[in-house]
C-alpha cells in the first residue's frame, strides 16, 4: 500500500513510531503477485 498510494516511507515510519524507515519496509512491504513475471516484464527491453 505504501507504494500504491505513493506514501513517503519515512513519514509512515514516523507516524507508526518506528525508529527508521528500513524497519517499516521490512515489516510491511512484501512481494505481491507473480514476482518472476513482474521482473521479466520490467527487464524485457534491457
PDB file of N, CA and C in Angstrom:
ATOM      1  N   UNK A   1       0.818  -1.193   0.000  1.00  0.00           N
ATOM      2  CA  UNK A   1       0.000   0.000   0.000  1.00  0.00           C
ATOM      3  C   UNK A   1       0.864   1.260   0.000  1.00  0.00           C
ATOM      4  N   UNK A   2       2.017   1.189   0.642  1.00  0.00           N
ATOM      5  CA  UNK A   2       2.887   2.368   0.660  1.00  0.00           C
ATOM      6  C   UNK A   2       3.162   2.876  -0.742  1.00  0.00           C
ATOM      7  N   UNK A   3       3.483   1.948  -1.638  1.00  0.00           N
ATOM      8  CA  UNK A   3       3.831   2.344  -2.998  1.00  0.00           C
ATOM      9  C   UNK A   3       2.596   2.571  -3.866  1.00  0.00           C
ATOM     10  N   UNK A   4       1.510   1.874  -3.574  1.00  0.00           N
ATOM     11  CA  UNK A   4       0.281   2.037  -4.352  1.00  0.00           C
ATOM     12  C   UNK A   4      -0.259   3.461  -4.281  1.00  0.00           C
ATOM     13  N   UNK A   5      -0.150   4.074  -3.124  1.00  0.00           N
ATOM     14  CA  UNK A   5      -0.680   5.434  -2.954  1.00  0.00           C
ATOM     15  C   UNK A   5       0.433   6.465  -2.800  1.00  0.00           C
ATOM     16  N   UNK A   6       1.656   6.066  -3.110  1.00  0.00           N
ATOM     17  CA  UNK A   6       2.826   6.945  -3.125  1.00  0.00           C
ATOM     18  C   UNK A   6       3.072   7.642  -1.795  1.00  0.00           C
ATOM     19  N   UNK A   7       2.998   6.872  -0.709  1.00  0.00           N
ATOM     20  CA  UNK A   7       3.306   7.425   0.598  1.00  0.00           C
ATOM     21  C   UNK A   7       4.812   7.414   0.820  1.00  0.00           C
ATOM     22  N   UNK A   8       5.314   8.435   1.468  1.00  0.00           N
ATOM     23  CA  UNK A   8       6.737   8.501   1.799  1.00  0.00           C
ATOM     24  C   UNK A   8       6.999   7.561   2.966  1.00  0.00           C
ATOM     25  N   UNK A   9       7.895   6.609   2.774  1.00  0.00           N
ATOM     26  CA  UNK A   9       8.172   5.599   3.791  1.00  0.00           C
ATOM     27  C   UNK A   9       8.660   6.214   5.096  1.00  0.00           C
ATOM     28  N   UNK A  10       9.481   7.248   5.007  1.00  0.00           N
ATOM     29  CA  UNK A  10       9.999   7.894   6.219  1.00  0.00           C
ATOM     30  C   UNK A  10       8.873   8.533   7.026  1.00  0.00           C
ATOM     31  N   UNK A  11       7.911   9.125   6.357  1.00  0.00           N
ATOM     32  CA  UNK A  11       6.774   9.744   7.048  1.00  0.00           C
ATOM     33  C   UNK A  11       5.919   8.675   7.714  1.00  0.00           C
ATOM     34  N   UNK A  12       5.657   7.592   7.003  1.00  0.00           N
ATOM     35  CA  UNK A  12       4.870   6.498   7.563  1.00  0.00           C
ATOM     36  C   UNK A  12       5.578   5.906   8.780  1.00  0.00           C
ATOM     37  N   UNK A  13       6.888   5.725   8.688  1.00  0.00           N
ATOM     38  CA  UNK A  13       7.662   5.191   9.807  1.00  0.00           C
ATOM     39  C   UNK A  13       7.516   6.088  11.032  1.00  0.00           C
ATOM     40  N   UNK A  14       7.610   7.380  10.835  1.00  0.00           N
ATOM     41  CA  UNK A  14       7.457   8.329  11.947  1.00  0.00           C
ATOM     42  C   UNK A  14       6.063   8.248  12.551  1.00  0.00           C
ATOM     43  N   UNK A  15       5.056   8.205  11.698  1.00  0.00           N
ATOM     44  CA  UNK A  15       3.666   8.124  12.191  1.00  0.00           C
ATOM     45  C   UNK A  15       3.409   6.845  12.982  1.00  0.00           C
ATOM     46  N   UNK A  16       4.078   5.762  12.590  1.00  0.00           N
ATOM     47  CA  UNK A  16       3.906   4.483  13.279  1.00  0.00           C
ATOM     48  C   UNK A  16       4.816   4.345  14.497  1.00  0.00           C
ATOM     49  N   UNK A  17       5.705   5.316  14.681  1.00  0.00           N
ATOM     50  CA  UNK A  17       6.601   5.279  15.822  1.00  0.00           C
ATOM     51  C   UNK A  17       7.812   4.388  15.638  1.00  0.00           C
ATOM     52  N   UNK A  18       8.142   4.084  14.392  1.00  0.00           N
ATOM     53  CA  UNK A  18       9.304   3.252  14.109  1.00  0.00           C
ATOM     54  C   UNK A  18      10.576   4.091  14.141  1.00  0.00           C
ATOM     55  N   UNK A  19      11.677   3.475  14.540  1.00  0.00           N
ATOM     56  CA  UNK A  19      12.953   4.185  14.646  1.00  0.00           C
ATOM     57  C   UNK A  19      13.497   4.578  13.274  1.00  0.00           C
ATOM     58  N   UNK A  20      13.197   3.768  12.257  1.00  0.00           N
ATOM     59  CA  UNK A  20      13.679   4.096  10.913  1.00  0.00           C
ATOM     60  C   UNK A  20      12.789   3.473   9.848  1.00  0.00           C
ATOM     61  N   UNK A  21      12.931   3.994   8.635  1.00  0.00           N
ATOM     62  CA  UNK A  21      12.094   3.543   7.523  1.00  0.00           C
ATOM     63  C   UNK A  21      12.429   2.120   7.091  1.00  0.00           C
ATOM     64  N   UNK A  22      13.656   1.684   7.321  1.00  0.00           N
ATOM     65  CA  UNK A  22      14.042   0.318   6.935  1.00  0.00           C
ATOM     66  C   UNK A  22      13.200  -0.712   7.684  1.00  0.00           C
ATOM     67  N   UNK A  23      12.936  -0.457   8.961  1.00  0.00           N
ATOM     68  CA  UNK A  23      12.092  -1.378   9.722  1.00  0.00           C
ATOM     69  C   UNK A  23      10.685  -1.403   9.141  1.00  0.00           C
ATOM     70  N   UNK A  24      10.151  -0.246   8.823  1.00  0.00           N
ATOM     71  CA  UNK A  24       8.802  -0.164   8.248  1.00  0.00           C
ATOM     72  C   UNK A  24       8.728  -0.960   6.961  1.00  0.00           C
ATOM     73  N   UNK A  25       9.719  -0.798   6.095  1.00  0.00           N
ATOM     74  CA  UNK A  25       9.736  -1.542   4.837  1.00  0.00           C
ATOM     75  C   UNK A  25       9.844  -3.040   5.076  1.00  0.00           C
ATOM     76  N   UNK A  26      10.716  -3.437   5.993  1.00  0.00           N
ATOM     77  CA  UNK A  26      10.892  -4.866   6.228  1.00  0.00           C
ATOM     78  C   UNK A  26       9.661  -5.499   6.859  1.00  0.00           C
ATOM     79  N   UNK A  27       8.916  -4.724   7.596  1.00  0.00           N
ATOM     80  CA  UNK A  27       7.745  -5.240   8.307  1.00  0.00           C
ATOM     81  C   UNK A  27       6.486  -5.258   7.437  1.00  0.00           C
ATOM     82  N   UNK A  28       6.293  -4.231   6.634  1.00  0.00           N
ATOM     83  CA  UNK A  28       5.017  -4.047   5.953  1.00  0.00           C
ATOM     84  C   UNK A  28       5.027  -4.199   4.442  1.00  0.00           C
ATOM     85  N   UNK A  29       6.174  -4.305   3.833  1.00  0.00           N
ATOM     86  CA  UNK A  29       6.232  -4.433   2.382  1.00  0.00           C
ATOM     87  C   UNK A  29       6.612  -5.871   2.045  1.00  0.00           C
ATOM     88  N   UNK A  30       5.782  -6.517   1.250  1.00  0.00           N
ATOM     89  CA  UNK A  30       6.044  -7.890   0.853  1.00  0.00           C
ATOM     90  C   UNK A  30       5.888  -8.045  -0.637  1.00  0.00           C
ATOM     91  N   UNK A  31       6.244  -9.194  -1.122  1.00  0.00           N
ATOM     92  CA  UNK A  31       6.109  -9.499  -2.538  1.00  0.00           C
ATOM     93  C   UNK A  31       4.650  -9.807  -2.826  1.00  0.00           C
ATOM     94  N   UNK A  32       4.142  -9.172  -3.856  1.00  0.00           N
ATOM     95  CA  UNK A  32       2.764  -9.414  -4.261  1.00  0.00           C
ATOM     96  C   UNK A  32       2.740  -9.898  -5.694  1.00  0.00           C
ATOM     97  N   UNK A  33       1.851 -10.787  -5.985  1.00  0.00           N
ATOM     98  CA  UNK A  33       1.697 -11.266  -7.356  1.00  0.00           C
ATOM     99  C   UNK A  33       2.810 -12.190  -7.776  1.00  0.00           C
ATOM    100  N   UNK A  34       2.975 -12.338  -9.071  1.00  0.00           N
ATOM    101  CA  UNK A  34       3.976 -13.225  -9.659  1.00  0.00           C
ATOM    102  C   UNK A  34       5.269 -12.442  -9.865  1.00  0.00           C
ATOM    103  N   UNK A  35       6.187 -12.575  -8.936  1.00  0.00           N
ATOM    104  CA  UNK A  35       7.426 -11.810  -8.974  1.00  0.00           C
ATOM    105  C   UNK A  35       8.216 -12.085 -10.244  1.00  0.00           C
ATOM    106  N   UNK A  36       8.274 -13.341 -10.670  1.00  0.00           N
ATOM    107  CA  UNK A  36       9.009 -13.685 -11.888  1.00  0.00           C
ATOM    108  C   UNK A  36       8.478 -12.957 -13.108  1.00  0.00           C
ATOM    109  N   UNK A  37       7.179 -12.923 -13.262  1.00  0.00           N
ATOM    110  CA  UNK A  37       6.564 -12.233 -14.400  1.00  0.00           C
ATOM    111  C   UNK A  37       6.796 -10.726 -14.322  1.00  0.00           C
ATOM    112  N   UNK A  38       6.751 -10.182 -13.124  1.00  0.00           N
ATOM    113  CA  UNK A  38       6.969  -8.751 -12.937  1.00  0.00           C
ATOM    114  C   UNK A  38       8.397  -8.368 -13.329  1.00  0.00           C
ATOM    115  N   UNK A  39       9.352  -9.154 -12.875  1.00  0.00           N
ATOM    116  CA  UNK A  39      10.757  -8.877 -13.193  1.00  0.00           C
ATOM    117  C   UNK A  39      10.998  -9.039 -14.690  1.00  0.00           C
ATOM    118  N   UNK A  40      10.451 -10.078 -15.271  1.00  0.00           N
ATOM    119  CA  UNK A  40      10.620 -10.301 -16.712  1.00  0.00           C
ATOM    120  C   UNK A  40      10.043  -9.138 -17.509  1.00  0.00           C
ATOM    121  N   UNK A  41       8.863  -8.697 -17.170  1.00  0.00           N
ATOM    122  CA  UNK A  41       8.229  -7.589 -17.878  1.00  0.00           C
ATOM    123  C   UNK A  41       9.029  -6.300 -17.723  1.00  0.00           C
ATOM    124  N   UNK A  42       9.562  -6.064 -16.541  1.00  0.00           N
ATOM    125  CA  UNK A  42      10.315  -4.841 -16.282  1.00  0.00           C
ATOM    126  C   UNK A  42      11.662  -4.823 -16.985  1.00  0.00           C
ATOM    127  N   UNK A  43      12.229  -6.009 -17.250  1.00  0.00           N
ATOM    128  CA  UNK A  43      13.579  -6.062 -17.818  1.00  0.00           C
ATOM    129  C   UNK A  43      13.628  -6.587 -19.244  1.00  0.00           C
ATOM    130  N   UNK A  44      12.476  -6.775 -19.845  1.00  0.00           N
ATOM    131  CA  UNK A  44      12.416  -7.315 -21.228  1.00  0.00           C
ATOM    132  C   UNK A  44      13.250  -6.528 -22.222  1.00  0.00           C
ATOM    133  N   UNK A  45      13.219  -5.235 -22.130  1.00  0.00           N
ATOM    134  CA  UNK A  45      13.868  -4.384 -23.130  1.00  0.00           C
ATOM    135  C   UNK A  45      15.308  -4.040 -22.800  1.00  0.00           C
ATOM    136  N   UNK A  46      15.885  -4.664 -21.804  1.00  0.00           N
ATOM    137  CA  UNK A  46      17.277  -4.346 -21.426  1.00  0.00           C
ATOM    138  C   UNK A  46      18.204  -4.921 -22.399  1.00  0.00           C
TER     139      UNK A  46
END
